[in-house]
C-alpha atoms as a PDB file:
ATOM      1  CA  MET A   1     -31.851 -59.431   3.436  1.00  0.00           C
ATOM      2  CA  GLY A   2     -28.566 -58.724   1.766  1.00  0.00           C
ATOM      3  CA  ILE A   3     -24.955 -59.611   1.643  1.00  0.00           C
ATOM      4  CA  GLU A   4     -22.587 -59.063   4.563  1.00  0.00           C
ATOM      5  CA  ILE A   5     -18.880 -58.856   3.887  1.00  0.00           C
ATOM      6  CA  PRO A   6     -16.553 -59.428   6.847  1.00  0.00           C
ATOM      7  CA  ILE A   7     -14.271 -56.527   7.757  1.00  0.00           C
ATOM      8  CA  THR A   8     -10.578 -57.310   7.890  1.00  0.00           C
ATOM      9  CA  THR A   9      -8.058 -55.028   9.521  1.00  0.00           C
ATOM     10  CA  LYS A  10      -5.187 -56.054   7.232  1.00  0.00           C
ATOM     11  CA  GLN A  11      -4.315 -53.424   4.594  1.00  0.00           C
ATOM     12  CA  ARG A  12      -4.589 -54.776   1.048  1.00  0.00           C
ATOM     13  CA  THR A  13      -2.152 -54.150  -1.762  1.00  0.00           C
ATOM     14  CA  SER A  14      -2.814 -54.479  -5.480  1.00  0.00           C
ATOM     15  CA  GLU A  15      -1.186 -57.919  -5.393  1.00  0.00           C
ATOM     16  CA  ASN A  16      -3.530 -59.409  -2.774  1.00  0.00           C
ATOM     17  CA  ARG A  17      -6.860 -57.732  -3.569  1.00  0.00           C
ATOM     18  CA  GLN A  18      -9.857 -60.022  -3.518  1.00  0.00           C
ATOM     19  CA  SER A  19     -11.739 -58.212  -6.293  1.00  0.00           C
ATOM     20  CA  LYS A  20     -10.680 -56.617  -9.545  1.00  0.00           C
ATOM     21  CA  ARG A  21     -10.945 -52.822  -9.653  1.00  0.00           C
ATOM     22  CA  TYR A  22     -12.537 -50.931 -12.525  1.00  0.00           C
ATOM     23  CA  ARG A  23     -12.104 -47.308 -13.450  1.00  0.00           C
ATOM     24  CA  TYR A  24     -15.453 -45.673 -12.809  1.00  0.00           C
ATOM     25  CA  ARG A  25     -16.572 -42.092 -12.357  1.00  0.00           C
ATOM     26  CA  GLY A  26     -19.778 -41.560 -10.437  1.00  0.00           C
ATOM     27  CA  ASP A  27     -21.091 -39.122  -7.888  1.00  0.00           C
ATOM     28  CA  ALA A  28     -22.057 -40.386  -4.458  1.00  0.00           C
ATOM     29  CA  LYS A  29     -22.756 -39.262  -0.912  1.00  0.00           C
ATOM     30  CA  VAL A  30     -21.015 -40.647   2.130  1.00  0.00           C
ATOM     31  CA  ARG A  31     -22.460 -40.209   5.616  1.00  0.00           C
ATOM     32  CA  GLN A  32     -20.338 -40.850   8.681  1.00  0.00           C
ATOM     33  CA  LEU A  33     -22.544 -42.888  11.019  1.00  0.00           C
ATOM     34  CA  GLU A  34     -21.194 -41.596  14.341  1.00  0.00           C
ATOM     35  CA  THR A  35     -21.664 -37.888  13.610  1.00  0.00           C
ATOM     36  CA  ASP A  36     -24.288 -38.006  10.823  1.00  0.00           C
ATOM     37  CA  LEU A  37     -21.972 -35.769   8.731  1.00  0.00           C
ATOM     38  CA  SER A  38     -22.840 -36.195   5.054  1.00  0.00           C
ATOM     39  CA  LEU A  39     -20.516 -35.200   2.196  1.00  0.00           C
ATOM     40  CA  SER A  40     -20.723 -35.493  -1.581  1.00  0.00           C
ATOM     41  CA  GLY A  41     -17.844 -36.702  -3.682  1.00  0.00           C
ATOM     42  CA  ARG A  42     -16.826 -38.824  -6.617  1.00  0.00           C
ATOM     43  CA  ILE A  43     -16.081 -42.516  -6.984  1.00  0.00           C
ATOM     44  CA  LEU A  44     -12.763 -42.986  -8.829  1.00  0.00           C
ATOM     45  CA  ASP A  45     -12.688 -46.766  -9.035  1.00  0.00           C
ATOM     46  CA  LEU A  46     -14.969 -49.585  -8.043  1.00  0.00           C
ATOM     47  CA  SER A  47     -14.900 -53.308  -7.255  1.00  0.00           C
ATOM     48  CA  ALA A  48     -17.395 -55.836  -5.946  1.00  0.00           C
ATOM     49  CA  ARG A  49     -16.001 -55.260  -2.441  1.00  0.00           C
ATOM     50  CA  GLY A  50     -15.443 -51.499  -2.293  1.00  0.00           C
ATOM     51  CA  CYS A  51     -14.409 -48.279  -3.968  1.00  0.00           C
ATOM     52  CA  LEU A  52     -11.953 -45.407  -3.996  1.00  0.00           C
ATOM     53  CA  PHE A  53     -13.776 -42.187  -3.163  1.00  0.00           C
ATOM     54  CA  GLN A  54     -12.607 -38.571  -3.490  1.00  0.00           C
ATOM     55  CA  MET A  55     -14.158 -35.678  -1.574  1.00  0.00           C
ATOM     56  CA  PRO A  56     -13.143 -32.181  -0.491  1.00  0.00           C
ATOM     57  CA  ASP A  57     -13.027 -32.784   3.281  1.00  0.00           C
ATOM     58  CA  LEU A  58     -11.629 -35.894   4.950  1.00  0.00           C
ATOM     59  CA  SER A  59     -11.317 -34.511   8.479  1.00  0.00           C
ATOM     60  CA  ALA A  60     -14.135 -36.690   9.862  1.00  0.00           C
ATOM     61  CA  PHE A  61     -12.897 -39.906   8.262  1.00  0.00           C
ATOM     62  CA  ALA A  62     -10.293 -42.226   9.732  1.00  0.00           C
ATOM     63  CA  VAL A  63      -9.537 -45.902   9.164  1.00  0.00           C
ATOM     64  CA  ASP A  64     -12.382 -48.077  10.520  1.00  0.00           C
ATOM     65  CA  THR A  65     -14.951 -45.247  10.372  1.00  0.00           C
ATOM     66  CA  LEU A  66     -18.358 -46.701   9.473  1.00  0.00           C
ATOM     67  CA  VAL A  67     -20.146 -44.935   6.622  1.00  0.00           C
ATOM     68  CA  ASP A  68     -23.423 -45.118   4.755  1.00  0.00           C
ATOM     69  CA  MET A  69     -22.789 -44.615   1.039  1.00  0.00           C
ATOM     70  CA  CYS A  70     -25.444 -43.686  -1.534  1.00  0.00           C
ATOM     71  CA  VAL A  71     -24.587 -44.017  -5.219  1.00  0.00           C
ATOM     72  CA  ASN A  72     -27.245 -42.594  -7.510  1.00  0.00           C
ATOM     73  CA  THR A  73     -26.296 -41.916 -11.112  1.00  0.00           C
ATOM     74  CA  GLY A  74     -28.319 -42.027 -14.299  1.00  0.00           C
ATOM     75  CA  TRP A  75     -27.645 -45.732 -14.784  1.00  0.00           C
ATOM     76  CA  VAL A  76     -27.026 -47.229 -11.341  1.00  0.00           C
ATOM     77  CA  SER A  77     -28.394 -46.675  -7.868  1.00  0.00           C
ATOM     78  CA  PHE A  78     -27.418 -48.518  -4.713  1.00  0.00           C
ATOM     79  CA  ARG A  79     -26.724 -47.990  -1.050  1.00  0.00           C
ATOM     80  CA  ALA A  80     -24.030 -49.675   1.009  1.00  0.00           C
ATOM     81  CA  LEU A  81     -22.820 -49.771   4.574  1.00  0.00           C
ATOM     82  CA  GLY A  82     -19.050 -49.449   4.426  1.00  0.00           C
ATOM     83  CA  SER A  83     -15.903 -49.148   6.455  1.00  0.00           C
ATOM     84  CA  VAL A  84     -13.069 -46.756   5.653  1.00  0.00           C
ATOM     85  CA  ARG A  85      -9.983 -48.891   4.977  1.00  0.00           C
ATOM     86  CA  HIS A  86      -7.549 -46.234   3.737  1.00  0.00           C
ATOM     87  CA  VAL A  87      -7.216 -42.440   4.002  1.00  0.00           C
ATOM     88  CA  ASN A  88      -5.006 -40.390   1.657  1.00  0.00           C
ATOM     89  CA  LEU A  89      -5.027 -36.749   2.791  1.00  0.00           C
ATOM     90  CA  ASN A  90      -2.674 -35.641  -0.011  1.00  0.00           C
ATOM     91  CA  HIS A  91      -5.160 -36.582  -2.737  1.00  0.00           C
ATOM     92  CA  TRP A  92      -8.414 -36.215  -0.737  1.00  0.00           C
ATOM     93  CA  ARG A  93      -9.253 -39.904  -1.137  1.00  0.00           C
ATOM     94  CA  ILE A  94     -10.600 -42.659   1.054  1.00  0.00           C
ATOM     95  CA  GLY A  95     -10.857 -46.366   0.331  1.00  0.00           C
ATOM     96  CA  ILE A  96     -14.190 -47.805   1.396  1.00  0.00           C
ATOM     97  CA  SER A  97     -14.835 -51.510   1.875  1.00  0.00           C
ATOM     98  CA  PHE A  98     -18.483 -52.515   1.478  1.00  0.00           C
ATOM     99  CA  VAL A  99     -19.673 -54.233   4.651  1.00  0.00           C
ATOM    100  CA  LYS A 100     -23.341 -54.738   3.764  1.00  0.00           C
ATOM    101  CA  LEU A 101     -25.407 -54.322   0.609  1.00  0.00           C
ATOM    102  CA  SER A 102     -29.097 -54.944   0.078  1.00  0.00           C
ATOM    103  CA  ARG A 103     -29.966 -57.635  -2.477  1.00  0.00           C
ATOM    104  CA  ARG A 104     -31.052 -54.934  -4.901  1.00  0.00           C
ATOM    105  CA  GLY A 105     -27.864 -52.986  -4.250  1.00  0.00           C
ATOM    106  CA  GLU A 106     -25.743 -56.081  -4.796  1.00  0.00           C
ATOM    107  CA  ALA A 107     -27.569 -56.796  -8.078  1.00  0.00           C
ATOM    108  CA  GLU A 108     -27.076 -53.198  -9.289  1.00  0.00           C
ATOM    109  CA  LEU A 109     -23.388 -53.255  -8.353  1.00  0.00           C
ATOM    110  CA  LEU A 110     -22.753 -56.620 -10.016  1.00  0.00           C
ATOM    111  CA  GLU A 111     -24.563 -55.490 -13.185  1.00  0.00           C
ATOM    112  CA  LEU A 112     -22.437 -52.352 -13.316  1.00  0.00           C
ATOM    113  CA  ILE A 113     -19.244 -54.389 -12.823  1.00  0.00           C
ATOM    114  CA  ALA A 114     -20.287 -56.758 -15.623  1.00  0.00           C
ATOM    115  CA  ASP A 115     -20.790 -53.743 -17.910  1.00  0.00           C
ATOM    116  CA  LEU A 116     -17.398 -52.314 -16.916  1.00  0.00           C
ATOM    117  CA  GLU A 117     -15.723 -55.697 -17.543  1.00  0.00           C
ATOM    118  CA  GLU A 118     -17.340 -55.942 -20.979  1.00  0.00           C
ATOM    119  CA  ALA A 119     -16.235 -52.414 -21.861  1.00  0.00           C
ATOM    120  CA  GLU A 120     -12.699 -53.135 -20.642  1.00  0.00           C
ATOM    121  CA  ARG A 121     -12.477 -56.296 -22.768  1.00  0.00           C
ATOM    122  CA  ALA A 122     -13.622 -54.304 -25.782  1.00  0.00           C
ATOM    123  CA  GLY A 123     -10.911 -51.713 -25.113  1.00  0.00           C
ATOM    124  CA  ARG A 124     -13.256 -48.887 -24.209  1.00  0.00           C
ATOM    125  CA  SER A 125     -13.310 -46.756 -21.085  1.00  0.00           C
ATOM    126  CA  GLY A 126     -16.736 -47.989 -20.079  1.00  0.00           C
ATOM    127  CA  VAL A 127     -18.633 -45.114 -18.536  1.00  0.00           C
ATOM    128  CA  LEU A 128     -20.030 -43.405 -21.642  1.00  0.00           C
ATOM    129  CA  GLU A 129     -20.771 -46.731 -23.323  1.00  0.00           C
ATOM    130  CA  ILE A 130     -22.660 -47.975 -20.275  1.00  0.00           C
ATOM    131  CA  SER A 131     -24.801 -44.860 -19.985  1.00  0.00           C
ATOM    132  CA  ILE A 132     -25.747 -44.976 -23.668  1.00  0.00           C
ATOM    133  CA  ALA A 133     -26.495 -48.710 -23.584  1.00  0.00           C
ATOM    134  CA  ARG A 134     -28.646 -48.405 -20.477  1.00  0.00           C
ATOM    135  CA  HIS A 135     -30.653 -45.581 -22.048  1.00  0.00           C
ATOM    136  CA  THR A 136     -31.060 -47.247 -25.451  1.00  0.00           C
ATOM    137  CA  GLY A 137     -31.672 -50.667 -23.967  1.00  0.00           C
ATOM    138  CA  SER A 138     -29.167 -52.347 -26.266  1.00  0.00           C
ATOM    139  CA  PRO A 139     -25.428 -52.977 -25.987  1.00  0.00           C
ATOM    140  CA  HIS A 140     -25.207 -52.701 -29.794  1.00  0.00           C
ATOM    141  CA  HIS A 141     -25.840 -48.946 -29.649  1.00  0.00           C
ATOM    142  CA  ARG A 142     -22.663 -48.200 -27.694  1.00  0.00           C
ATOM    143  CA  LEU A 143     -20.302 -45.459 -28.773  1.00  0.00           C
ATOM    144  CA  ASP A 144     -16.651 -45.146 -27.930  1.00  0.00           C
ATOM    145  CA  ALA A 145     -15.902 -42.561 -25.279  1.00  0.00           C
ATOM    146  CA  PRO A 146     -13.535 -39.776 -26.282  1.00  0.00           C
ATOM    147  CA  GLU A 147     -10.064 -40.173 -24.827  1.00  0.00           C
END
C-alpha cells in the first residue's frame, strides 16, 4: 500500500502551492515510463508533494510525462511514481509532482522534510546537519554547514 496523490493539470505558483518547499541537494535517477530512458540528476528543492530536478538532458520529458524516481543518498532512500508538471529548458530543470509513494517512501520523505524544517528554523542550511545527525544518531551533534 501507499499514498496516491491526485494529478492536477493546473500550473501552481509559489502563492498557491499546497506544500512548503525546502532547499535540498540530493542525487536521484528519473526513468521515463514510456521509453524506459533513465537519467541521473540532482534534486534542487523538495516538498511533500514533489521536487525540482535538474539533469543534463530534458529532450524526453514533457509536461504530463510519467516517471519513476529513485532517491538514494546516504541518509534517505525512497522511490516515487511522479508526473512532470513543469519543464524549464533554459536551466535544465523539471518539476515533478509525486503521484504515488510506498508507505516506507512516504515515511522517509516526511522524516527528511521534518529534518529540513528543523534546520530551517534553526537558521541552518539543513543538508550537512542532517547527514551528520543521521550518522551520529543524535540531533545534538549537528554542525553548521559552511556558507
